[in-house]
Amino acid sequence: MKGKNKKNQEAFREQLSKLFEVPPEVVSDFPKIVLAGNQEISIENFNGLIEYTAQKIRMNTKCGVVVIDGIELEVRKMTSDYIMISGTIIQVGFVL
């Protein structure tokens, strides 16, 4: 029953997005990832850190695990669903 309720919620969010002409990430809990060159990345709608080193940061999201590889990575800001990371970003990927 939980799966059906979750699909209904996602369909409702999609309808809201279309009705009010707002981007889907505003009404969904999918991650929104913004890169500023290769020096900064911000991610909205993440669910917690799995790994945090100066070379690799892994975090949970609704879409899977986001992996950031780089040099001198550092968390600059973090709230319960937002994170900003600086450093030299070499690669960003998803592990499903």
PDB file of N, CA and C in Angstrom:
ATOM      1  N   MET A   1       0.807  -1.202   0.000  1.00  0.00           N
ATOM      2  CA  MET A   1       0.000   0.000   0.000  1.00  0.00           C
ATOM      3  C   MET A   1       0.854   1.272   0.000  1.00  0.00           C
ATOM      4  N   LYS A   2       2.037   1.180   0.653  1.00  0.00           N
ATOM      5  CA  LYS A   2       2.905   2.348   0.707  1.00  0.00           C
ATOM      6  C   LYS A   2       3.352   2.785  -0.675  1.00  0.00           C
ATOM      7  N   GLY A   3       3.706   1.840  -1.535  1.00  0.00           N
ATOM      8  CA  GLY A   3       4.165   2.149  -2.880  1.00  0.00           C
ATOM      9  C   GLY A   3       3.115   2.890  -3.689  1.00  0.00           C
ATOM     10  N   LYS A   4       1.862   2.478  -3.554  1.00  0.00           N
ATOM     11  CA  LYS A   4       0.774   3.120  -4.285  1.00  0.00           C
ATOM     12  C   LYS A   4       0.574   4.551  -3.796  1.00  0.00           C
ATOM     13  N   ASN A   5       0.645   4.755  -2.473  1.00  0.00           N
ATOM     14  CA  ASN A   5       0.487   6.085  -1.901  1.00  0.00           C
ATOM     15  C   ASN A   5       1.617   7.006  -2.367  1.00  0.00           C
ATOM     16  N   LYS A   6       2.833   6.483  -2.437  1.00  0.00           N
ATOM     17  CA  LYS A   6       3.979   7.270  -2.887  1.00  0.00           C
ATOM     18  C   LYS A   6       3.808   7.686  -4.350  1.00  0.00           C
ATOM     19  N   LYS A   7       3.297   6.763  -5.202  1.00  0.00           N
ATOM     20  CA  LYS A   7       3.057   7.094  -6.604  1.00  0.00           C
ATOM     21  C   LYS A   7       1.982   8.170  -6.730  1.00  0.00           C
ATOM     22  N   ASN A   8       0.957   8.097  -5.882  1.00  0.00           N
ATOM     23  CA  ASN A   8      -0.094   9.114  -5.894  1.00  0.00           C
ATOM     24  C   ASN A   8       0.475  10.476  -5.514  1.00  0.00           C
ATOM     25  N   GLN A   9       1.363  10.501  -4.520  1.00  0.00           N
ATOM     26  CA  GLN A   9       1.990  11.760  -4.104  1.00  0.00           C
ATOM     27  C   GLN A   9       2.825  12.342  -5.239  1.00  0.00           C
ATOM     28  N   GLU A  10       3.588  11.492  -5.923  1.00  0.00           N
ATOM     29  CA  GLU A  10       4.411  11.966  -7.026  1.00  0.00           C
ATOM     30  C   GLU A  10       3.554  12.505  -8.169  1.00  0.00           C
ATOM     31  N   ALA A  11       2.462  11.834  -8.480  1.00  0.00           N
ATOM     32  CA  ALA A  11       1.552  12.297  -9.537  1.00  0.00           C
ATOM     33  C   ALA A  11       0.933  13.642  -9.150  1.00  0.00           C
ATOM     34  N   PHE A  12       0.563  13.772  -7.882  1.00  0.00           N
ATOM     35  CA  PHE A  12      -0.011  15.040  -7.396  1.00  0.00           C
ATOM     36  C   PHE A  12       1.005  16.166  -7.507  1.00  0.00           C
ATOM     37  N   ARG A  13       2.236  15.902  -7.134  1.00  0.00           N
ATOM     38  CA  ARG A  13       3.289  16.928  -7.231  1.00  0.00           C
ATOM     39  C   ARG A  13       3.518  17.334  -8.679  1.00  0.00           C
ATOM     40  N   GLU A  14       3.483  16.366  -9.581  1.00  0.00           N
ATOM     41  CA  GLU A  14       3.664  16.666 -10.998  1.00  0.00           C
ATOM     42  C   GLU A  14       2.525  17.548 -11.515  1.00  0.00           C
ATOM     43  N   GLN A  15       1.298  17.252 -11.104  1.00  0.00           N
ATOM     44  CA  GLN A  15       0.154  18.067 -11.507  1.00  0.00           C
ATOM     45  C   GLN A  15       0.271  19.485 -10.964  1.00  0.00           C
ATOM     46  N   LEU A  16       0.717  19.614  -9.701  1.00  0.00           N
ATOM     47  CA  LEU A  16       0.918  20.945  -9.121  1.00  0.00           C
ATOM     48  C   LEU A  16       1.953  21.733  -9.905  1.00  0.00           C
ATOM     49  N   SER A  17       3.018  21.060 -10.273  1.00  0.00           N
ATOM     50  CA  SER A  17       4.083  21.700 -11.036  1.00  0.00           C
ATOM     51  C   SER A  17       3.549  22.263 -12.346  1.00  0.00           C
ATOM     52  N   LYS A  18       2.762  21.467 -13.049  1.00  0.00           N
ATOM     53  CA  LYS A  18       2.199  21.911 -14.330  1.00  0.00           C
ATOM     54  C   LYS A  18       1.162  23.011 -14.118  1.00  0.00           C
ATOM     55  N   LEU A  19       0.316  22.852 -13.109  1.00  0.00           N
ATOM     56  CA  LEU A  19      -0.750  23.814 -12.857  1.00  0.00           C
ATOM     57  C   LEU A  19      -0.200  25.202 -12.547  1.00  0.00           C
ATOM     58  N   PHE A  20       0.807  25.269 -11.687  1.00  0.00           N
ATOM     59  CA  PHE A  20       1.356  26.554 -11.268  1.00  0.00           C
ATOM     60  C   PHE A  20       2.583  26.977 -12.079  1.00  0.00           C
ATOM     61  N   GLU A  21       2.913  26.172 -13.108  1.00  0.00           N
ATOM     62  CA  GLU A  21       4.019  26.475 -14.002  1.00  0.00           C
ATOM     63  C   GLU A  21       5.316  26.741 -13.243  1.00  0.00           C
ATOM     64  N   VAL A  22       5.635  25.828 -12.331  1.00  0.00           N
ATOM     65  CA  VAL A  22       6.893  25.901 -11.589  1.00  0.00           C
ATOM     66  C   VAL A  22       7.725  24.672 -11.926  1.00  0.00           C
ATOM     67  N   PRO A  23       9.029  24.787 -11.819  1.00  0.00           N
ATOM     68  CA  PRO A  23       9.875  23.627 -12.120  1.00  0.00           C
ATOM     69  C   PRO A  23       9.557  22.446 -11.213  1.00  0.00           C
ATOM     70  N   PRO A  24       9.639  21.233 -11.722  1.00  0.00           N
ATOM     71  CA  PRO A  24       9.299  20.046 -10.931  1.00  0.00           C
ATOM     72  C   PRO A  24      10.099  19.904  -9.640  1.00  0.00           C
ATOM     73  N   GLU A  25      11.377  20.346  -9.636  1.00  0.00           N
ATOM     74  CA  GLU A  25      12.180  20.190  -8.429  1.00  0.00           C
ATOM     75  C   GLU A  25      11.693  21.053  -7.272  1.00  0.00           C
ATOM     76  N   VAL A  26      10.889  22.083  -7.575  1.00  0.00           N
ATOM     77  CA  VAL A  26      10.360  22.937  -6.517  1.00  0.00           C
ATOM     78  C   VAL A  26       9.316  22.193  -5.691  1.00  0.00           C
ATOM     79  N   VAL A  27       8.508  21.358  -6.319  1.00  0.00           N
ATOM     80  CA  VAL A  27       7.442  20.649  -5.596  1.00  0.00           C
ATOM     81  C   VAL A  27       7.768  19.177  -5.354  1.00  0.00           C
ATOM     82  N   SER A  28       8.894  18.702  -5.858  1.00  0.00           N
ATOM     83  CA  SER A  28       9.263  17.303  -5.643  1.00  0.00           C
ATOM     84  C   SER A  28      10.417  17.232  -4.650  1.00  0.00           C
ATOM     85  N   ASP A  29      10.791  16.029  -4.293  1.00  0.00           N
ATOM     86  CA  ASP A  29      11.948  15.878  -3.417  1.00  0.00           C
ATOM     87  C   ASP A  29      13.133  15.292  -4.172  1.00  0.00           C
ATOM     88  N   PHE A  30      13.140  15.453  -5.509  1.00  0.00           N
ATOM     89  CA  PHE A  30      14.300  15.081  -6.304  1.00  0.00           C
ATOM     90  C   PHE A  30      15.425  16.063  -6.016  1.00  0.00           C
ATOM     91  N   PRO A  31      16.667  15.618  -6.082  1.00  0.00           N
ATOM     92  CA  PRO A  31      17.769  16.537  -5.821  1.00  0.00           C
ATOM     93  C   PRO A  31      17.938  17.554  -6.949  1.00  0.00           C
ATOM     94  N   LYS A  32      18.274  18.769  -6.565  1.00  0.00           N
ATOM     95  CA  LYS A  32      18.621  19.809  -7.525  1.00  0.00           C
ATOM     96  C   LYS A  32      20.108  20.085  -7.318  1.00  0.00           C
ATOM     97  N   ILE A  33      20.896  19.845  -8.358  1.00  0.00           N
ATOM     98  CA  ILE A  33      22.349  19.960  -8.282  1.00  0.00           C
ATOM     99  C   ILE A  33      22.789  21.130  -9.150  1.00  0.00           C
ATOM    100  N   VAL A  34      23.547  22.057  -8.543  1.00  0.00           N
ATOM    101  CA  VAL A  34      24.045  23.230  -9.261  1.00  0.00           C
ATOM    102  C   VAL A  34      25.558  23.278  -9.123  1.00  0.00           C
ATOM    103  N   LEU A  35      26.249  23.273 -10.264  1.00  0.00           N
ATOM    104  CA  LEU A  35      27.703  23.392 -10.295  1.00  0.00           C
ATOM    105  C   LEU A  35      28.088  24.811 -10.671  1.00  0.00           C
ATOM    106  N   ALA A  36      29.062  25.360  -9.960  1.00  0.00           N
ATOM    107  CA  ALA A  36      29.654  26.646 -10.318  1.00  0.00           C
ATOM    108  C   ALA A  36      31.070  26.340 -10.792  1.00  0.00           C
ATOM    109  N   GLY A  37      31.203  26.120 -12.087  1.00  0.00           N
ATOM    110  CA  GLY A  37      32.488  25.690 -12.632  1.00  0.00           C
ATOM    111  C   GLY A  37      32.867  24.349 -12.040  1.00  0.00           C
ATOM    112  N   ASN A  38      34.134  24.192 -11.697  1.00  0.00           N
ATOM    113  CA  ASN A  38      34.553  22.973 -11.012  1.00  0.00           C
ATOM    114  C   ASN A  38      35.015  23.279  -9.588  1.00  0.00           C
ATOM    115  N   GLN A  39      34.556  24.438  -9.050  1.00  0.00           N
ATOM    116  CA  GLN A  39      35.003  24.878  -7.726  1.00  0.00           C
ATOM    117  C   GLN A  39      33.932  24.801  -6.640  1.00  0.00           C
ATOM    118  N   GLU A  40      32.668  24.659  -7.033  1.00  0.00           N
ATOM    119  CA  GLU A  40      31.603  24.654  -6.019  1.00  0.00           C
ATOM    120  C   GLU A  40      30.394  23.881  -6.540  1.00  0.00           C
ATOM    121  N   ILE A  41      29.760  23.152  -5.638  1.00  0.00           N
ATOM    122  CA  ILE A  41      28.544  22.423  -5.973  1.00  0.00           C
ATOM    123  C   ILE A  41      27.565  22.588  -4.827  1.00  0.00           C
ATOM    124  N   SER A  42      26.301  22.808  -5.161  1.00  0.00           N
ATOM    125  CA  SER A  42      25.256  22.848  -4.138  1.00  0.00           C
ATOM    126  C   SER A  42      24.175  21.845  -4.517  1.00  0.00           C
ATOM    127  N   ILE A  43      23.660  21.171  -3.509  1.00  0.00           N
ATOM    128  CA  ILE A  43      22.649  20.145  -3.725  1.00  0.00           C
ATOM    129  C   ILE A  43      21.506  20.372  -2.753  1.00  0.00           C
ATOM    130  N   GLU A  44      20.300  20.518  -3.306  1.00  0.00           N
ATOM    131  CA  GLU A  44      19.084  20.619  -2.499  1.00  0.00           C
ATOM    132  C   GLU A  44      18.420  19.246  -2.490  1.00  0.00           C
ATOM    133  N   ASN A  45      17.705  18.947  -1.434  1.00  0.00           N
ATOM    134  CA  ASN A  45      16.948  17.699  -1.289  1.00  0.00           C
ATOM    135  C   ASN A  45      17.853  16.478  -1.180  1.00  0.00           C
ATOM    136  N   PHE A  46      18.870  16.553  -0.346  1.00  0.00           N
ATOM    137  CA  PHE A  46      19.660  15.363  -0.070  1.00  0.00           C
ATOM    138  C   PHE A  46      19.239  14.839   1.296  1.00  0.00           C
ATOM    139  N   ASN A  47      19.533  13.565   1.556  1.00  0.00           N
ATOM    140  CA  ASN A  47      19.009  12.910   2.759  1.00  0.00           C
ATOM    141  C   ASN A  47      20.077  12.514   3.773  1.00  0.00           C
ATOM    142  N   GLY A  48      21.277  13.028   3.641  1.00  0.00           N
ATOM    143  CA  GLY A  48      22.313  12.726   4.619  1.00  0.00           C
ATOM    144  C   GLY A  48      23.604  12.259   3.990  1.00  0.00           C
ATOM    145  N   LEU A  49      24.704  12.505   4.698  1.00  0.00           N
ATOM    146  CA  LEU A  49      26.023  12.110   4.235  1.00  0.00           C
ATOM    147  C   LEU A  49      26.296  10.647   4.548  1.00  0.00           C
ATOM    148  N   ILE A  50      26.956   9.964   3.627  1.00  0.00           N
ATOM    149  CA  ILE A  50      27.401   8.586   3.818  1.00  0.00           C
ATOM    150  C   ILE A  50      28.903   8.575   4.063  1.00  0.00           C
ATOM    151  N   GLU A  51      29.623   9.391   3.293  1.00  0.00           N
ATOM    152  CA  GLU A  51      31.079   9.442   3.380  1.00  0.00           C
ATOM    153  C   GLU A  51      31.523  10.881   3.173  1.00  0.00           C
ATOM    154  N   TYR A  52      32.536  11.310   3.950  1.00  0.00           N
ATOM    155  CA  TYR A  52      33.047  12.668   3.818  1.00  0.00           C
ATOM    156  C   TYR A  52      34.552  12.674   4.037  1.00  0.00           C
ATOM    157  N   THR A  53      35.290  12.805   2.952  1.00  0.00           N
ATOM    158  CA  THR A  53      36.735  12.981   3.020  1.00  0.00           C
ATOM    159  C   THR A  53      37.093  14.158   2.107  1.00  0.00           C
ATOM    160  N   ALA A  54      38.355  14.545   2.113  1.00  0.00           N
ATOM    161  CA  ALA A  54      38.804  15.642   1.258  1.00  0.00           C
ATOM    162  C   ALA A  54      38.826  15.243  -0.222  1.00  0.00           C
ATOM    163  N   GLN A  55      38.722  13.932  -0.511  1.00  0.00           N
ATOM    164  CA  GLN A  55      38.740  13.464  -1.898  1.00  0.00           C
ATOM    165  C   GLN A  55      37.405  12.922  -2.394  1.00  0.00           C
ATOM    166  N   LYS A  56      36.489  12.580  -1.483  1.00  0.00           N
ATOM    167  CA  LYS A  56      35.215  11.976  -1.896  1.00  0.00           C
ATOM    168  C   LYS A  56      34.117  12.319  -0.890  1.00  0.00           C
ATOM    169  N   ILE A  57      32.960  12.689  -1.431  1.00  0.00           N
ATOM    170  CA  ILE A  57      31.764  12.901  -0.611  1.00  0.00           C
ATOM    171  C   ILE A  57      30.643  12.109  -1.248  1.00  0.00           C
ATOM    172  N   ARG A  58      29.991  11.270  -0.439  1.00  0.00           N
ATOM    173  CA  ARG A  58      28.842  10.495  -0.905  1.00  0.00           C
ATOM    174  C   ARG A  58      27.652  10.862  -0.031  1.00  0.00           C
ATOM    175  N   MET A  59      26.475  10.999  -0.675  1.00  0.00           N
ATOM    176  CA  MET A  59      25.257  11.351   0.068  1.00  0.00           C
ATOM    177  C   MET A  59      24.045  10.658  -0.527  1.00  0.00           C
ATOM    178  N   ASN A  60      23.064  10.399   0.326  1.00  0.00           N
ATOM    179  CA  ASN A  60      21.804   9.795  -0.104  1.00  0.00           C
ATOM    180  C   ASN A  60      20.884  10.847  -0.701  1.00  0.00           C
ATOM    181  N   THR A  61      20.169  10.452  -1.765  1.00  0.00           N
ATOM    182  CA  THR A  61      19.083  11.260  -2.321  1.00  0.00           C
ATOM    183  C   THR A  61      17.977  10.300  -2.738  1.00  0.00           C
ATOM    184  N   LYS A  62      16.853  10.852  -3.134  1.00  0.00           N
ATOM    185  CA  LYS A  62      15.741  10.025  -3.598  1.00  0.00           C
ATOM    186  C   LYS A  62      16.118   9.237  -4.853  1.00  0.00           C
ATOM    187  N   CYS A  63      17.030   9.757  -5.651  1.00  0.00           N
ATOM    188  CA  CYS A  63      17.425   9.128  -6.912  1.00  0.00           C
ATOM    189  C   CYS A  63      18.589   8.158  -6.762  1.00  0.00           C
ATOM    190  N   GLY A  64      19.103   7.989  -5.587  1.00  0.00           N
ATOM    191  CA  GLY A  64      20.264   7.145  -5.365  1.00  0.00           C
ATOM    192  C   GLY A  64      21.344   7.914  -4.636  1.00  0.00           C
ATOM    193  N   VAL A  65      22.543   7.379  -4.647  1.00  0.00           N
ATOM    194  CA  VAL A  65      23.671   8.001  -3.958  1.00  0.00           C
ATOM    195  C   VAL A  65      24.402   8.923  -4.931  1.00  0.00           C
ATOM    196  N   VAL A  66      24.598  10.179  -4.531  1.00  0.00           N
ATOM    197  CA  VAL A  66      25.399  11.120  -5.308  1.00  0.00           C
ATOM    198  C   VAL A  66      26.833  11.021  -4.814  1.00  0.00           C
ATOM    199  N   VAL A  67      27.769  10.861  -5.751  1.00  0.00           N
ATOM    200  CA  VAL A  67      29.192  10.744  -5.423  1.00  0.00           C
ATOM    201  C   VAL A  67      29.925  11.921  -6.058  1.00  0.00           C
ATOM    202  N   ILE A  68      30.683  12.634  -5.235  1.00  0.00           N
ATOM    203  CA  ILE A  68      31.486  13.758  -5.705  1.00  0.00           C
ATOM    204  C   ILE A  68      32.947  13.410  -5.443  1.00  0.00           C
ATOM    205  N   ASP A  69      33.750  13.368  -6.490  1.00  0.00           N
ATOM    206  CA  ASP A  69      35.188  13.138  -6.369  1.00  0.00           C
ATOM    207  C   ASP A  69      35.902  14.453  -6.628  1.00  0.00           C
ATOM    208  N   GLY A  70      36.962  14.710  -5.860  1.00  0.00           N
ATOM    209  CA  GLY A  70      37.685  15.949  -6.062  1.00  0.00           C
ATOM    210  C   GLY A  70      38.933  16.059  -5.223  1.00  0.00           C
ATOM    211  N   ILE A  71      39.414  17.289  -5.118  1.00  0.00           N
ATOM    212  CA  ILE A  71      40.618  17.611  -4.369  1.00  0.00           C
ATOM    213  C   ILE A  71      40.262  18.702  -3.357  1.00  0.00           C
ATOM    214  N   GLU A  72      40.645  18.489  -2.109  1.00  0.00           N
ATOM    215  CA  GLU A  72      40.400  19.441  -1.026  1.00  0.00           C
ATOM    216  C   GLU A  72      38.910  19.804  -0.926  1.00  0.00           C
ATOM    217  N   LEU A  73      38.051  18.807  -0.998  1.00  0.00           N
ATOM    218  CA  LEU A  73      36.609  19.038  -0.866  1.00  0.00           C
ATOM    219  C   LEU A  73      36.292  19.426   0.571  1.00  0.00           C
ATOM    220  N   GLU A  74      35.399  20.385   0.719  1.00  0.00           N
ATOM    221  CA  GLU A  74      35.024  20.869   2.040  1.00  0.00           C
ATOM    222  C   GLU A  74      33.558  21.289   2.039  1.00  0.00           C
ATOM    223  N   VAL A  75      32.830  20.861   3.054  1.00  0.00           N
ATOM    224  CA  VAL A  75      31.442  21.290   3.206  1.00  0.00           C
ATOM    225  C   VAL A  75      31.454  22.715   3.754  1.00  0.00           C
ATOM    226  N   ARG A  76      30.859  23.648   3.014  1.00  0.00           N
ATOM    227  CA  ARG A  76      30.810  25.057   3.421  1.00  0.00           C
ATOM    228  C   ARG A  76      29.549  25.386   4.203  1.00  0.00           C
ATOM    229  N   LYS A  77      28.428  24.842   3.747  1.00  0.00           N
ATOM    230  CA  LYS A  77      27.129  25.055   4.409  1.00  0.00           C
ATOM    231  C   LYS A  77      26.366  23.751   4.370  1.00  0.00           C
ATOM    232  N   MET A  78      25.574  23.485   5.412  1.00  0.00           N
ATOM    233  CA  MET A  78      24.749  22.282   5.395  1.00  0.00           C
ATOM    234  C   MET A  78      23.556  22.476   6.321  1.00  0.00           C
ATOM    235  N   THR A  79      22.380  22.135   5.807  1.00  0.00           N
ATOM    236  CA  THR A  79      21.158  22.085   6.608  1.00  0.00           C
ATOM    237  C   THR A  79      20.607  20.668   6.476  1.00  0.00           C
ATOM    238  N   SER A  80      19.397  20.459   6.924  1.00  0.00           N
ATOM    239  CA  SER A  80      18.818  19.114   6.860  1.00  0.00           C
ATOM    240  C   SER A  80      18.582  18.632   5.426  1.00  0.00           C
ATOM    241  N   ASP A  81      18.460  19.541   4.448  1.00  0.00           N
ATOM    242  CA  ASP A  81      18.224  19.107   3.062  1.00  0.00           C
ATOM    243  C   ASP A  81      19.032  19.877   2.022  1.00  0.00           C
ATOM    244  N   TYR A  82      20.022  20.653   2.462  1.00  0.00           N
ATOM    245  CA  TYR A  82      20.845  21.454   1.544  1.00  0.00           C
ATOM    246  C   TYR A  82      22.307  21.322   1.941  1.00  0.00           C
ATOM    247  N   ILE A  83      23.184  21.238   0.932  1.00  0.00           N
ATOM    248  CA  ILE A  83      24.612  21.188   1.199  1.00  0.00           C
ATOM    249  C   ILE A  83      25.353  21.955   0.109  1.00  0.00           C
ATOM    250  N   MET A  84      26.378  22.697   0.526  1.00  0.00           N
ATOM    251  CA  MET A  84      27.251  23.407  -0.410  1.00  0.00           C
ATOM    252  C   MET A  84      28.676  22.930  -0.153  1.00  0.00           C
ATOM    253  N   ILE A  85      29.351  22.516  -1.223  1.00  0.00           N
ATOM    254  CA  ILE A  85      30.690  21.950  -1.138  1.00  0.00           C
ATOM    255  C   ILE A  85      31.616  22.752  -2.035  1.00  0.00           C
ATOM    256  N   SER A  86      32.805  23.047  -1.524  1.00  0.00           N
ATOM    257  CA  SER A  86      33.807  23.729  -2.350  1.00  0.00           C
ATOM    258  C   SER A  86      35.049  22.860  -2.450  1.00  0.00           C
ATOM    259  N   GLY A  87      35.903  23.199  -3.393  1.00  0.00           N
ATOM    260  CA  GLY A  87      37.121  22.453  -3.668  1.00  0.00           C
ATOM    261  C   GLY A  87      37.237  22.288  -5.172  1.00  0.00           C
ATOM    262  N   THR A  88      38.176  21.485  -5.605  1.00  0.00           N
ATOM    263  CA  THR A  88      38.304  21.194  -7.032  1.00  0.00           C
ATOM    264  C   THR A  88      37.496  19.936  -7.322  1.00  0.00           C
ATOM    265  N   ILE A  89      36.399  20.110  -8.053  1.00  0.00           N
ATOM    266  CA  ILE A  89      35.494  19.004  -8.343  1.00  0.00           C
ATOM    267  C   ILE A  89      35.939  18.331  -9.639  1.00  0.00           C
ATOM    268  N   ILE A  90      36.238  17.051  -9.534  1.00  0.00           N
ATOM    269  CA  ILE A  90      36.707  16.293 -10.693  1.00  0.00           C
ATOM    270  C   ILE A  90      35.554  15.543 -11.365  1.00  0.00           C
ATOM    271  N   GLN A  91      34.639  15.015 -10.547  1.00  0.00           N
ATOM    272  CA  GLN A  91      33.570  14.184 -11.109  1.00  0.00           C
ATOM    273  C   GLN A  91      32.366  14.175 -10.171  1.00  0.00           C
ATOM    274  N   VAL A  92      31.169  14.155 -10.755  1.00  0.00           N
ATOM    275  CA  VAL A  92      29.916  14.009 -10.005  1.00  0.00           C
ATOM    276  C   VAL A  92      29.132  12.898 -10.685  1.00  0.00           C
ATOM    277  N   GLY A  93      28.617  11.969  -9.886  1.00  0.00           N
ATOM    278  CA  GLY A  93      27.870  10.855 -10.460  1.00  0.00           C
ATOM    279  C   GLY A  93      26.828  10.305  -9.516  1.00  0.00           C
ATOM    280  N   PHE A  94      25.990   9.413 -10.051  1.00  0.00           N
ATOM    281  CA  PHE A  94      24.955   8.737  -9.292  1.00  0.00           C
ATOM    282  C   PHE A  94      25.255   7.248  -9.233  1.00  0.00           C
ATOM    283  N   VAL A  95      25.007   6.650  -8.083  1.00  0.00           N
ATOM    284  CA  VAL A  95      25.048   5.207  -7.922  1.00  0.00           C
ATOM    285  C   VAL A  95      23.636   4.793  -7.552  1.00  0.00           C
ATOM    286  N   LEU A  96      23.005   4.004  -8.384  1.00  0.00           N
ATOM    287  CA  LEU A  96      21.610   3.631  -8.153  1.00  0.00           C
ATOM    288  C   LEU A  96      21.497   2.422  -7.248  1.00  0.00           C
TER     289      LEU A  96
END
